[in-house]
Each structure stands twice: as structure tokens, then as C-alpha cells.
């Protein structure tokens, strides 16, 4: 008999947590911090696309998540200048893993990012 959806979700969460803890242990001399960071000068960026987070630049208002040596790690949420938000796992300051982009108006887009690319 197949696994239930909840069982698969739990395994996925455990794997994400294990990866995150492994990343932390490798960087034991680094400073891990939970963070809420406000952007003092957010700027609307018409070139921003969720498909390439390298286009983000200053198009964000608030970051909520964790950092190691000022680089985003683990599950993080970025609140965007246009009212949208982006949630994903980060490693070494890049979106890597399952996540979603939710525009202010419209449907949520779920998928996989690798090195900031959808």
C-alpha cells in the first residue's frame, strides 16, 4: 500500500531539517541568527521575476528567516515591494529547494528553485 500524503510531507520536512542542521554543523564557527530585516529603501523593480531571484535587487521590504554570516539560510520569507512574497529554503544566500511565490493579486506559484532560478 502507498504512503499517505502526510507521511510524504513529514519525510520531506525531516529531510529539509536534516539538510539545514548539516549545513549549520559544517559552519560551526559561523554565526547563526534568526533575523527580521527591514529594507530602509525598497525600490519598485519592474524587471523583477520570481523565475530569477537574482533580479530581486532592492525590490524587497522585509526578510524573515535565518542567516549565517549575513547570508540567508533555511526557510525564509521575503516580502516584496509590490505586495507579493516569496518563501523558499535558502543555502548560502540562494533559493534552493521547494518554495512558492505569491503575487499581491493572483495565484500562488509553487515549484523548485536552484541557485535562485525557477
PDB file of N, CA and C in Angstrom:
ATOM      1  N   UNK A   1       0.831  -1.180   0.000  1.00  0.00           N
ATOM      2  CA  UNK A   1       0.000   0.000   0.000  1.00  0.00           C
ATOM      3  C   UNK A   1       0.879   1.248   0.000  1.00  0.00           C
ATOM      4  N   UNK A   2       0.499   2.309  -0.722  1.00  0.00           N
ATOM      5  CA  UNK A   2       1.298   3.516  -0.857  1.00  0.00           C
ATOM      6  C   UNK A   2       1.313   4.371   0.396  1.00  0.00           C
ATOM      7  N   UNK A   3       2.301   5.254   0.453  1.00  0.00           N
ATOM      8  CA  UNK A   3       2.410   6.182   1.584  1.00  0.00           C
ATOM      9  C   UNK A   3       1.327   7.244   1.496  1.00  0.00           C
ATOM     10  N   UNK A   4       0.888   7.707   2.647  1.00  0.00           N
ATOM     11  CA  UNK A   4      -0.090   8.790   2.665  1.00  0.00           C
ATOM     12  C   UNK A   4       0.611  10.100   2.334  1.00  0.00           C
ATOM     13  N   UNK A   5      -0.174  11.087   1.940  1.00  0.00           N
ATOM     14  CA  UNK A   5       0.369  12.410   1.621  1.00  0.00           C
ATOM     15  C   UNK A   5       1.043  13.009   2.850  1.00  0.00           C
ATOM     16  N   UNK A   6       0.414  12.863   4.034  1.00  0.00           N
ATOM     17  CA  UNK A   6       1.005  13.410   5.263  1.00  0.00           C
ATOM     18  C   UNK A   6       2.338  12.748   5.575  1.00  0.00           C
ATOM     19  N   UNK A   7       2.431  11.462   5.357  1.00  0.00           N
ATOM     20  CA  UNK A   7       3.678  10.748   5.608  1.00  0.00           C
ATOM     21  C   UNK A   7       4.785  11.268   4.686  1.00  0.00           C
ATOM     22  N   UNK A   8       4.467  11.485   3.426  1.00  0.00           N
ATOM     23  CA  UNK A   8       5.445  12.018   2.471  1.00  0.00           C
ATOM     24  C   UNK A   8       5.865  13.430   2.864  1.00  0.00           C
ATOM     25  N   UNK A   9       4.891  14.246   3.314  1.00  0.00           N
ATOM     26  CA  UNK A   9       5.204  15.609   3.732  1.00  0.00           C
ATOM     27  C   UNK A   9       6.135  15.592   4.941  1.00  0.00           C
ATOM     28  N   UNK A  10       5.862  14.711   5.904  1.00  0.00           N
ATOM     29  CA  UNK A  10       6.711  14.614   7.098  1.00  0.00           C
ATOM     30  C   UNK A  10       8.137  14.221   6.713  1.00  0.00           C
ATOM     31  N   UNK A  11       8.269  13.254   5.801  1.00  0.00           N
ATOM     32  CA  UNK A  11       9.601  12.834   5.361  1.00  0.00           C
ATOM     33  C   UNK A  11      10.333  13.993   4.683  1.00  0.00           C
ATOM     34  N   UNK A  12       9.608  14.759   3.875  1.00  0.00           N
ATOM     35  CA  UNK A  12      10.199  15.900   3.189  1.00  0.00           C
ATOM     36  C   UNK A  12      10.657  16.955   4.191  1.00  0.00           C
ATOM     37  N   UNK A  13       9.840  17.223   5.198  1.00  0.00           N
ATOM     38  CA  UNK A  13      10.193  18.205   6.228  1.00  0.00           C
ATOM     39  C   UNK A  13      11.408  17.728   7.005  1.00  0.00           C
ATOM     40  N   UNK A  14      11.432  16.431   7.374  1.00  0.00           N
ATOM     41  CA  UNK A  14      12.579  15.881   8.098  1.00  0.00           C
ATOM     42  C   UNK A  14      13.863  15.995   7.268  1.00  0.00           C
ATOM     43  N   UNK A  15      13.755  15.716   5.971  1.00  0.00           N
ATOM     44  CA  UNK A  15      14.927  15.797   5.097  1.00  0.00           C
ATOM     45  C   UNK A  15      15.421  17.241   5.010  1.00  0.00           C
ATOM     46  N   UNK A  16      14.483  18.203   4.875  1.00  0.00           N
ATOM     47  CA  UNK A  16      14.868  19.620   4.832  1.00  0.00           C
ATOM     48  C   UNK A  16      15.560  20.028   6.128  1.00  0.00           C
ATOM     49  N   UNK A  17      15.006  19.609   7.264  1.00  0.00           N
ATOM     50  CA  UNK A  17      15.585  19.943   8.560  1.00  0.00           C
ATOM     51  C   UNK A  17      16.966  19.313   8.703  1.00  0.00           C
ATOM     52  N   UNK A  18      17.106  18.067   8.272  1.00  0.00           N
ATOM     53  CA  UNK A  18      18.397  17.386   8.345  1.00  0.00           C
ATOM     54  C   UNK A  18      19.443  18.116   7.507  1.00  0.00           C
ATOM     55  N   UNK A  19      19.059  18.527   6.286  1.00  0.00           N
ATOM     56  CA  UNK A  19      19.975  19.284   5.428  1.00  0.00           C
ATOM     57  C   UNK A  19      20.392  20.588   6.098  1.00  0.00           C
ATOM     58  N   UNK A  20      19.412  21.267   6.689  1.00  0.00           N
ATOM     59  CA  UNK A  20      19.671  22.552   7.338  1.00  0.00           C
ATOM     60  C   UNK A  20      20.624  22.363   8.523  1.00  0.00           C
ATOM     61  N   UNK A  21      20.385  21.342   9.359  1.00  0.00           N
ATOM     62  CA  UNK A  21      21.237  21.093  10.517  1.00  0.00           C
ATOM     63  C   UNK A  21      22.645  20.697  10.072  1.00  0.00           C
ATOM     64  N   UNK A  22      22.740  19.952   8.993  1.00  0.00           N
ATOM     65  CA  UNK A  22      24.044  19.571   8.459  1.00  0.00           C
ATOM     66  C   UNK A  22      24.818  20.806   8.022  1.00  0.00           C
ATOM     67  N   UNK A  23      24.107  21.715   7.361  1.00  0.00           N
ATOM     68  CA  UNK A  23      24.728  22.954   6.911  1.00  0.00           C
ATOM     69  C   UNK A  23      25.234  23.756   8.115  1.00  0.00           C
ATOM     70  N   UNK A  24      24.442  23.796   9.191  1.00  0.00           N
ATOM     71  CA  UNK A  24      24.849  24.525  10.388  1.00  0.00           C
ATOM     72  C   UNK A  24      26.073  23.897  11.038  1.00  0.00           C
ATOM     73  N   UNK A  25      26.099  22.569  11.117  1.00  0.00           N
ATOM     74  CA  UNK A  25      27.227  21.912  11.777  1.00  0.00           C
ATOM     75  C   UNK A  25      28.520  22.103  10.994  1.00  0.00           C
ATOM     76  N   UNK A  26      28.433  22.185   9.678  1.00  0.00           N
ATOM     77  CA  UNK A  26      29.622  22.406   8.864  1.00  0.00           C
ATOM     78  C   UNK A  26      30.187  23.797   9.080  1.00  0.00           C
ATOM     79  N   UNK A  27      29.316  24.716   9.498  1.00  0.00           N
ATOM     80  CA  UNK A  27      29.742  26.095   9.675  1.00  0.00           C
ATOM     81  C   UNK A  27      29.690  26.470  11.153  1.00  0.00           C
ATOM     82  N   UNK A  28      30.166  25.588  12.017  1.00  0.00           N
ATOM     83  CA  UNK A  28      30.028  25.780  13.456  1.00  0.00           C
ATOM     84  C   UNK A  28      30.737  27.029  13.957  1.00  0.00           C
ATOM     85  N   UNK A  29      31.728  27.511  13.249  1.00  0.00           N
ATOM     86  CA  UNK A  29      32.417  28.731  13.657  1.00  0.00           C
ATOM     87  C   UNK A  29      31.700  29.980  13.167  1.00  0.00           C
ATOM     88  N   UNK A  30      30.668  29.812  12.398  1.00  0.00           N
ATOM     89  CA  UNK A  30      29.921  30.932  11.859  1.00  0.00           C
ATOM     90  C   UNK A  30      28.814  31.335  12.824  1.00  0.00           C
ATOM     91  N   UNK A  31      28.250  32.499  12.595  1.00  0.00           N
ATOM     92  CA  UNK A  31      27.183  32.994  13.453  1.00  0.00           C
ATOM     93  C   UNK A  31      25.824  32.752  12.810  1.00  0.00           C
ATOM     94  N   UNK A  32      25.050  31.851  13.428  1.00  0.00           N
ATOM     95  CA  UNK A  32      23.682  31.569  13.003  1.00  0.00           C
ATOM     96  C   UNK A  32      22.755  32.498  13.773  1.00  0.00           C
ATOM     97  N   UNK A  33      21.886  33.207  13.052  1.00  0.00           N
ATOM     98  CA  UNK A  33      20.961  34.130  13.710  1.00  0.00           C
ATOM     99  C   UNK A  33      19.595  34.042  13.065  1.00  0.00           C
ATOM    100  N   UNK A  34      18.554  34.053  13.883  1.00  0.00           N
ATOM    101  CA  UNK A  34      17.213  34.283  13.359  1.00  0.00           C
ATOM    102  C   UNK A  34      17.134  35.771  13.101  1.00  0.00           C
ATOM    103  N   UNK A  35      16.499  36.143  12.013  1.00  0.00           N
ATOM    104  CA  UNK A  35      16.541  37.552  11.637  1.00  0.00           C
ATOM    105  C   UNK A  35      15.225  38.033  11.043  1.00  0.00           C
ATOM    106  N   UNK A  36      14.899  39.254  11.361  1.00  0.00           N
ATOM    107  CA  UNK A  36      13.865  40.016  10.660  1.00  0.00           C
ATOM    108  C   UNK A  36      14.564  41.303  10.242  1.00  0.00           C
ATOM    109  N   UNK A  37      14.705  41.470   8.941  1.00  0.00           N
ATOM    110  CA  UNK A  37      15.459  42.607   8.424  1.00  0.00           C
ATOM    111  C   UNK A  37      14.525  43.471   7.581  1.00  0.00           C
ATOM    112  N   UNK A  38      14.465  44.745   7.896  1.00  0.00           N
ATOM    113  CA  UNK A  38      13.670  45.705   7.123  1.00  0.00           C
ATOM    114  C   UNK A  38      14.594  46.386   6.121  1.00  0.00           C
ATOM    115  N   UNK A  39      14.123  46.550   4.907  1.00  0.00           N
ATOM    116  CA  UNK A  39      14.875  47.277   3.892  1.00  0.00           C
ATOM    117  C   UNK A  39      14.536  48.760   4.067  1.00  0.00           C
ATOM    118  N   UNK A  40      15.503  49.598   4.417  1.00  0.00           N
ATOM    119  CA  UNK A  40      15.191  51.015   4.650  1.00  0.00           C
ATOM    120  C   UNK A  40      14.841  51.775   3.369  1.00  0.00           C
ATOM    121  N   UNK A  41      15.245  51.261   2.211  1.00  0.00           N
ATOM    122  CA  UNK A  41      14.999  51.950   0.939  1.00  0.00           C
ATOM    123  C   UNK A  41      14.519  50.990  -0.140  1.00  0.00           C
ATOM    124  N   UNK A  42      13.333  50.368   0.051  1.00  0.00           N
ATOM    125  CA  UNK A  42      12.853  49.462  -1.005  1.00  0.00           C
ATOM    126  C   UNK A  42      12.520  50.235  -2.279  1.00  0.00           C
ATOM    127  N   UNK A  43      12.833  49.623  -3.398  1.00  0.00           N
ATOM    128  CA  UNK A  43      12.616  50.260  -4.697  1.00  0.00           C
ATOM    129  C   UNK A  43      11.822  49.312  -5.584  1.00  0.00           C
ATOM    130  N   UNK A  44      10.751  49.818  -6.183  1.00  0.00           N
ATOM    131  CA  UNK A  44       9.956  49.032  -7.134  1.00  0.00           C
ATOM    132  C   UNK A  44      10.856  48.660  -8.308  1.00  0.00           C
ATOM    133  N   UNK A  45      10.870  47.383  -8.669  1.00  0.00           N
ATOM    134  CA  UNK A  45      11.719  46.911  -9.759  1.00  0.00           C
ATOM    135  C   UNK A  45      10.850  46.242 -10.819  1.00  0.00           C
ATOM    136  N   UNK A  46      10.569  46.927 -11.915  1.00  0.00           N
ATOM    137  CA  UNK A  46       9.722  46.327 -12.956  1.00  0.00           C
ATOM    138  C   UNK A  46      10.367  45.127 -13.637  1.00  0.00           C
ATOM    139  N   UNK A  47      11.667  44.943 -13.473  1.00  0.00           N
ATOM    140  CA  UNK A  47      12.370  43.819 -14.092  1.00  0.00           C
ATOM    141  C   UNK A  47      12.382  42.570 -13.212  1.00  0.00           C
ATOM    142  N   UNK A  48      11.843  42.668 -11.978  1.00  0.00           N
ATOM    143  CA  UNK A  48      11.843  41.512 -11.090  1.00  0.00           C
ATOM    144  C   UNK A  48      10.960  40.405 -11.655  1.00  0.00           C
ATOM    145  N   UNK A  49      11.452  39.174 -11.567  1.00  0.00           N
ATOM    146  CA  UNK A  49      10.677  37.993 -11.911  1.00  0.00           C
ATOM    147  C   UNK A  49      10.993  36.898 -10.910  1.00  0.00           C
ATOM    148  N   UNK A  50       9.968  36.208 -10.431  1.00  0.00           N
ATOM    149  CA  UNK A  50      10.173  35.122  -9.474  1.00  0.00           C
ATOM    150  C   UNK A  50      11.005  33.995 -10.077  1.00  0.00           C
ATOM    151  N   UNK A  51      11.089  33.938 -11.414  1.00  0.00           N
ATOM    152  CA  UNK A  51      11.826  32.871 -12.083  1.00  0.00           C
ATOM    153  C   UNK A  51      13.341  33.051 -11.981  1.00  0.00           C
ATOM    154  N   UNK A  52      13.766  34.270 -11.623  1.00  0.00           N
ATOM    155  CA  UNK A  52      15.193  34.556 -11.460  1.00  0.00           C
ATOM    156  C   UNK A  52      15.357  35.538 -10.306  1.00  0.00           C
ATOM    157  N   UNK A  53      15.621  35.003  -9.113  1.00  0.00           N
ATOM    158  CA  UNK A  53      15.708  35.866  -7.931  1.00  0.00           C
ATOM    159  C   UNK A  53      16.938  36.757  -7.925  1.00  0.00           C
ATOM    160  N   UNK A  54      17.847  36.558  -8.866  1.00  0.00           N
ATOM    161  CA  UNK A  54      18.956  37.496  -8.992  1.00  0.00           C
ATOM    162  C   UNK A  54      18.455  38.868  -9.444  1.00  0.00           C
ATOM    163  N   UNK A  55      17.231  38.948  -9.940  1.00  0.00           N
ATOM    164  CA  UNK A  55      16.646  40.234 -10.355  1.00  0.00           C
ATOM    165  C   UNK A  55      16.007  40.975  -9.176  1.00  0.00           C
ATOM    166  N   UNK A  56      16.051  40.414  -7.981  1.00  0.00           N
ATOM    167  CA  UNK A  56      15.386  40.999  -6.820  1.00  0.00           C
ATOM    168  C   UNK A  56      15.912  42.384  -6.473  1.00  0.00           C
ATOM    169  N   UNK A  57      17.213  42.538  -6.414  1.00  0.00           N
ATOM    170  CA  UNK A  57      17.857  43.806  -6.061  1.00  0.00           C
ATOM    171  C   UNK A  57      17.204  44.403  -4.811  1.00  0.00           C
ATOM    172  N   UNK A  58      16.717  45.636  -4.845  1.00  0.00           N
ATOM    173  CA  UNK A  58      16.097  46.289  -3.673  1.00  0.00           C
ATOM    174  C   UNK A  58      14.578  46.218  -3.701  1.00  0.00           C
ATOM    175  N   UNK A  59      14.032  45.249  -4.441  1.00  0.00           N
ATOM    176  CA  UNK A  59      12.587  45.099  -4.610  1.00  0.00           C
ATOM    177  C   UNK A  59      11.946  44.377  -3.423  1.00  0.00           C
ATOM    178  N   UNK A  60      12.544  44.456  -2.254  1.00  0.00           N
ATOM    179  CA  UNK A  60      12.001  43.785  -1.083  1.00  0.00           C
ATOM    180  C   UNK A  60      11.831  44.784   0.059  1.00  0.00           C
ATOM    181  N   UNK A  61      10.864  44.479   0.919  1.00  0.00           N
ATOM    182  CA  UNK A  61      10.553  45.336   2.051  1.00  0.00           C
ATOM    183  C   UNK A  61      11.073  44.725   3.346  1.00  0.00           C
ATOM    184  N   UNK A  62      10.870  43.396   3.493  1.00  0.00           N
ATOM    185  CA  UNK A  62      11.245  42.730   4.738  1.00  0.00           C
ATOM    186  C   UNK A  62      11.698  41.304   4.447  1.00  0.00           C
ATOM    187  N   UNK A  63      12.689  40.875   5.209  1.00  0.00           N
ATOM    188  CA  UNK A  63      13.180  39.498   5.172  1.00  0.00           C
ATOM    189  C   UNK A  63      12.930  38.899   6.542  1.00  0.00           C
ATOM    190  N   UNK A  64      12.395  37.662   6.561  1.00  0.00           N
ATOM    191  CA  UNK A  64      12.167  36.959   7.820  1.00  0.00           C
ATOM    192  C   UNK A  64      12.706  35.544   7.661  1.00  0.00           C
ATOM    193  N   UNK A  65      13.681  35.178   8.483  1.00  0.00           N
ATOM    194  CA  UNK A  65      14.263  33.850   8.392  1.00  0.00           C
ATOM    195  C   UNK A  65      15.507  33.746   9.237  1.00  0.00           C
ATOM    196  N   UNK A  66      16.526  33.097   8.701  1.00  0.00           N
ATOM    197  CA  UNK A  66      17.778  32.918   9.425  1.00  0.00           C
ATOM    198  C   UNK A  66      18.945  33.275   8.518  1.00  0.00           C
ATOM    199  N   UNK A  67      20.043  33.635   9.162  1.00  0.00           N
ATOM    200  CA  UNK A  67      21.259  33.957   8.421  1.00  0.00           C
ATOM    201  C   UNK A  67      22.461  33.298   9.091  1.00  0.00           C
ATOM    202  N   UNK A  68      23.453  33.009   8.295  1.00  0.00           N
ATOM    203  CA  UNK A  68      24.773  32.619   8.790  1.00  0.00           C
ATOM    204  C   UNK A  68      25.745  33.563   8.104  1.00  0.00           C
ATOM    205  N   UNK A  69      26.478  34.300   8.914  1.00  0.00           N
ATOM    206  CA  UNK A  69      27.416  35.289   8.372  1.00  0.00           C
ATOM    207  C   UNK A  69      26.730  36.204   7.351  1.00  0.00           C
ATOM    208  N   UNK A  70      25.537  36.674   7.687  1.00  0.00           N
ATOM    209  CA  UNK A  70      24.738  37.596   6.868  1.00  0.00           C
ATOM    210  C   UNK A  70      24.285  37.010   5.524  1.00  0.00           C
ATOM    211  N   UNK A  71      24.254  35.687   5.406  1.00  0.00           N
ATOM    212  CA  UNK A  71      23.729  35.029   4.206  1.00  0.00           C
ATOM    213  C   UNK A  71      22.477  34.248   4.594  1.00  0.00           C
ATOM    214  N   UNK A  72      21.454  34.329   3.758  1.00  0.00           N
ATOM    215  CA  UNK A  72      20.191  33.638   4.030  1.00  0.00           C
ATOM    216  C   UNK A  72      20.397  32.122   4.043  1.00  0.00           C
ATOM    217  N   UNK A  73      19.805  31.463   5.077  1.00  0.00           N
ATOM    218  CA  UNK A  73      19.854  30.006   5.181  1.00  0.00           C
ATOM    219  C   UNK A  73      18.526  29.492   5.719  1.00  0.00           C
ATOM    220  N   UNK A  74      18.183  28.265   5.363  1.00  0.00           N
ATOM    221  CA  UNK A  74      16.964  27.653   5.874  1.00  0.00           C
ATOM    222  C   UNK A  74      15.716  28.255   5.254  1.00  0.00           C
ATOM    223  N   UNK A  75      14.578  28.017   5.908  1.00  0.00           N
ATOM    224  CA  UNK A  75      13.300  28.515   5.413  1.00  0.00           C
ATOM    225  C   UNK A  75      13.199  30.014   5.667  1.00  0.00           C
ATOM    226  N   UNK A  76      12.994  30.766   4.608  1.00  0.00           N
ATOM    227  CA  UNK A  76      12.950  32.227   4.697  1.00  0.00           C
ATOM    228  C   UNK A  76      11.779  32.769   3.886  1.00  0.00           C
ATOM    229  N   UNK A  77      11.272  33.900   4.323  1.00  0.00           N
ATOM    230  CA  UNK A  77      10.225  34.612   3.584  1.00  0.00           C
ATOM    231  C   UNK A  77      10.743  36.001   3.248  1.00  0.00           C
ATOM    232  N   UNK A  78      10.542  36.398   1.996  1.00  0.00           N
ATOM    233  CA  UNK A  78      10.901  37.743   1.558  1.00  0.00           C
ATOM    234  C   UNK A  78       9.610  38.433   1.139  1.00  0.00           C
ATOM    235  N   UNK A  79       9.326  39.558   1.772  1.00  0.00           N
ATOM    236  CA  UNK A  79       8.137  40.351   1.457  1.00  0.00           C
ATOM    237  C   UNK A  79       8.553  41.408   0.444  1.00  0.00           C
ATOM    238  N   UNK A  80       7.825  41.473  -0.662  1.00  0.00           N
ATOM    239  CA  UNK A  80       8.238  42.291  -1.803  1.00  0.00           C
ATOM    240  C   UNK A  80       7.582  43.666  -1.815  1.00  0.00           C
ATOM    241  N   UNK A  81       8.231  44.604  -2.474  1.00  0.00           N
ATOM    242  CA  UNK A  81       7.765  45.993  -2.583  1.00  0.00           C
ATOM    243  C   UNK A  81       6.389  46.077  -3.228  1.00  0.00           C
ATOM    244  N   UNK A  82       6.089  45.179  -4.175  1.00  0.00           N
ATOM    245  CA  UNK A  82       4.812  45.225  -4.886  1.00  0.00           C
ATOM    246  C   UNK A  82       3.681  44.504  -4.138  1.00  0.00           C
ATOM    247  N   UNK A  83       3.938  44.055  -2.896  1.00  0.00           N
ATOM    248  CA  UNK A  83       2.910  43.390  -2.099  1.00  0.00           C
ATOM    249  C   UNK A  83       2.948  41.878  -2.170  1.00  0.00           C
ATOM    250  N   UNK A  84       3.772  41.330  -3.021  1.00  0.00           N
ATOM    251  CA  UNK A  84       3.912  39.881  -3.119  1.00  0.00           C
ATOM    252  C   UNK A  84       4.863  39.367  -2.053  1.00  0.00           C
ATOM    253  N   UNK A  85       5.036  38.047  -2.027  1.00  0.00           N
ATOM    254  CA  UNK A  85       6.005  37.458  -1.105  1.00  0.00           C
ATOM    255  C   UNK A  85       6.571  36.181  -1.722  1.00  0.00           C
ATOM    256  N   UNK A  86       7.755  35.839  -1.246  1.00  0.00           N
ATOM    257  CA  UNK A  86       8.461  34.666  -1.736  1.00  0.00           C
ATOM    258  C   UNK A  86       8.917  33.861  -0.532  1.00  0.00           C
ATOM    259  N   UNK A  87       8.673  32.536  -0.563  1.00  0.00           N
ATOM    260  CA  UNK A  87       9.062  31.646   0.530  1.00  0.00           C
ATOM    261  C   UNK A  87       9.817  30.469  -0.056  1.00  0.00           C
ATOM    262  N   UNK A  88      10.983  30.171   0.502  1.00  0.00           N
ATOM    263  CA  UNK A  88      11.769  29.049  -0.016  1.00  0.00           C
ATOM    264  C   UNK A  88      12.863  28.695   0.982  1.00  0.00           C
ATOM    265  N   UNK A  89      13.475  27.544   0.771  1.00  0.00           N
ATOM    266  CA  UNK A  89      14.668  27.168   1.506  1.00  0.00           C
ATOM    267  C   UNK A  89      15.854  27.873   0.855  1.00  0.00           C
ATOM    268  N   UNK A  90      16.745  28.395   1.681  1.00  0.00           N
ATOM    269  CA  UNK A  90      17.930  29.067   1.171  1.00  0.00           C
ATOM    270  C   UNK A  90      19.177  28.355   1.666  1.00  0.00           C
ATOM    271  N   UNK A  91      20.187  28.296   0.820  1.00  0.00           N
ATOM    272  CA  UNK A  91      21.511  27.834   1.207  1.00  0.00           C
ATOM    273  C   UNK A  91      22.511  28.823   0.630  1.00  0.00           C
ATOM    274  N   UNK A  92      23.408  29.286   1.492  1.00  0.00           N
ATOM    275  CA  UNK A  92      24.460  30.204   1.059  1.00  0.00           C
ATOM    276  C   UNK A  92      23.917  31.402   0.276  1.00  0.00           C
ATOM    277  N   UNK A  93      22.813  31.970   0.771  1.00  0.00           N
ATOM    278  CA  UNK A  93      22.210  33.192   0.226  1.00  0.00           C
ATOM    279  C   UNK A  93      21.473  33.000  -1.108  1.00  0.00           C
ATOM    280  N   UNK A  94      21.217  31.763  -1.488  1.00  0.00           N
ATOM    281  CA  UNK A  94      20.493  31.480  -2.740  1.00  0.00           C
ATOM    282  C   UNK A  94      19.290  30.599  -2.453  1.00  0.00           C
ATOM    283  N   UNK A  95      18.185  30.843  -3.185  1.00  0.00           N
ATOM    284  CA  UNK A  95      16.999  29.992  -3.082  1.00  0.00           C
ATOM    285  C   UNK A  95      17.334  28.632  -3.682  1.00  0.00           C
ATOM    286  N   UNK A  96      17.170  27.599  -2.851  1.00  0.00           N
ATOM    287  CA  UNK A  96      17.460  26.226  -3.279  1.00  0.00           C
ATOM    288  C   UNK A  96      16.454  25.298  -2.633  1.00  0.00           C
ATOM    289  N   UNK A  97      15.540  24.776  -3.428  1.00  0.00           N
ATOM    290  CA  UNK A  97      14.560  23.839  -2.906  1.00  0.00           C
ATOM    291  C   UNK A  97      13.150  24.249  -3.246  1.00  0.00           C
ATOM    292  N   UNK A  98      12.209  23.557  -2.598  1.00  0.00           N
ATOM    293  CA  UNK A  98      10.800  23.833  -2.826  1.00  0.00           C
ATOM    294  C   UNK A  98      10.428  25.181  -2.217  1.00  0.00           C
ATOM    295  N   UNK A  99       9.544  25.863  -2.901  1.00  0.00           N
ATOM    296  CA  UNK A  99       9.090  27.147  -2.393  1.00  0.00           C
ATOM    297  C   UNK A  99       7.892  27.635  -3.156  1.00  0.00           C
ATOM    298  N   UNK A 100       7.503  28.866  -2.868  1.00  0.00           N
ATOM    299  CA  UNK A 100       6.413  29.473  -3.624  1.00  0.00           C
ATOM    300  C   UNK A 100       6.593  30.975  -3.730  1.00  0.00           C
ATOM    301  N   UNK A 101       6.014  31.508  -4.777  1.00  0.00           N
ATOM    302  CA  UNK A 101       5.926  32.946  -4.986  1.00  0.00           C
ATOM    303  C   UNK A 101       4.448  33.273  -4.998  1.00  0.00           C
ATOM    304  N   UNK A 102       4.033  34.249  -4.200  1.00  0.00           N
ATOM    305  CA  UNK A 102       2.631  34.674  -4.134  1.00  0.00           C
ATOM    306  C   UNK A 102       2.573  36.151  -4.483  1.00  0.00           C
ATOM    307  N   UNK A 103       2.066  36.477  -5.684  1.00  0.00           N
ATOM    308  CA  UNK A 103       1.922  37.897  -6.017  1.00  0.00           C
ATOM    309  C   UNK A 103       0.809  38.520  -5.175  1.00  0.00           C
ATOM    310  N   UNK A 104       0.769  39.841  -5.109  1.00  0.00           N
ATOM    311  CA  UNK A 104      -0.283  40.526  -4.355  1.00  0.00           C
ATOM    312  C   UNK A 104      -1.654  40.115  -4.875  1.00  0.00           C
ATOM    313  N   UNK A 105      -1.777  40.046  -6.186  1.00  0.00           N
ATOM    314  CA  UNK A 105      -3.024  39.617  -6.828  1.00  0.00           C
ATOM    315  C   UNK A 105      -2.688  38.454  -7.745  1.00  0.00           C
ATOM    316  N   UNK A 106      -3.432  37.392  -7.617  1.00  0.00           N
ATOM    317  CA  UNK A 106      -3.187  36.239  -8.482  1.00  0.00           C
ATOM    318  C   UNK A 106      -2.890  34.988  -7.684  1.00  0.00           C
ATOM    319  N   UNK A 107      -2.643  33.931  -8.420  1.00  0.00           N
ATOM    320  CA  UNK A 107      -2.438  32.622  -7.805  1.00  0.00           C
ATOM    321  C   UNK A 107      -0.997  32.418  -7.373  1.00  0.00           C
ATOM    322  N   UNK A 108      -0.852  31.638  -6.331  1.00  0.00           N
ATOM    323  CA  UNK A 108       0.465  31.252  -5.835  1.00  0.00           C
ATOM    324  C   UNK A 108       1.110  30.301  -6.833  1.00  0.00           C
ATOM    325  N   UNK A 109       2.397  30.489  -7.074  1.00  0.00           N
ATOM    326  CA  UNK A 109       3.177  29.633  -7.953  1.00  0.00           C
ATOM    327  C   UNK A 109       4.107  28.810  -7.076  1.00  0.00           C
ATOM    328  N   UNK A 110       3.971  27.480  -7.136  1.00  0.00           N
ATOM    329  CA  UNK A 110       4.823  26.591  -6.350  1.00  0.00           C
ATOM    330  C   UNK A 110       5.798  25.885  -7.269  1.00  0.00           C
ATOM    331  N   UNK A 111       6.990  25.623  -6.763  1.00  0.00           N
ATOM    332  CA  UNK A 111       7.956  24.921  -7.585  1.00  0.00           C
ATOM    333  C   UNK A 111       9.285  24.761  -6.892  1.00  0.00           C
ATOM    334  N   UNK A 112      10.294  24.507  -7.680  1.00  0.00           N
ATOM    335  CA  UNK A 112      11.642  24.237  -7.187  1.00  0.00           C
ATOM    336  C   UNK A 112      12.591  25.295  -7.740  1.00  0.00           C
ATOM    337  N   UNK A 113      13.406  25.868  -6.848  1.00  0.00           N
ATOM    338  CA  UNK A 113      14.431  26.824  -7.244  1.00  0.00           C
ATOM    339  C   UNK A 113      15.786  26.194  -7.013  1.00  0.00           C
ATOM    340  N   UNK A 114      16.699  26.435  -7.928  1.00  0.00           N
ATOM    341  CA  UNK A 114      18.084  26.000  -7.793  1.00  0.00           C
ATOM    342  C   UNK A 114      18.967  27.191  -8.089  1.00  0.00           C
ATOM    343  N   UNK A 115      19.775  27.580  -7.117  1.00  0.00           N
ATOM    344  CA  UNK A 115      20.648  28.764  -7.245  1.00  0.00           C
ATOM    345  C   UNK A 115      19.885  29.985  -7.763  1.00  0.00           C
ATOM    346  N   UNK A 116      18.744  30.258  -7.130  1.00  0.00           N
ATOM    347  CA  UNK A 116      17.875  31.413  -7.428  1.00  0.00           C
ATOM    348  C   UNK A 116      17.078  31.302  -8.723  1.00  0.00           C
ATOM    349  N   UNK A 117      17.167  30.186  -9.418  1.00  0.00           N
ATOM    350  CA  UNK A 117      16.440  30.033 -10.691  1.00  0.00           C
ATOM    351  C   UNK A 117      15.309  29.039 -10.539  1.00  0.00           C
ATOM    352  N   UNK A 118      14.134  29.375 -11.076  1.00  0.00           N
ATOM    353  CA  UNK A 118      12.934  28.520 -11.026  1.00  0.00           C
ATOM    354  C   UNK A 118      13.028  27.453 -12.090  1.00  0.00           C
TER     355      UNK A 118
END
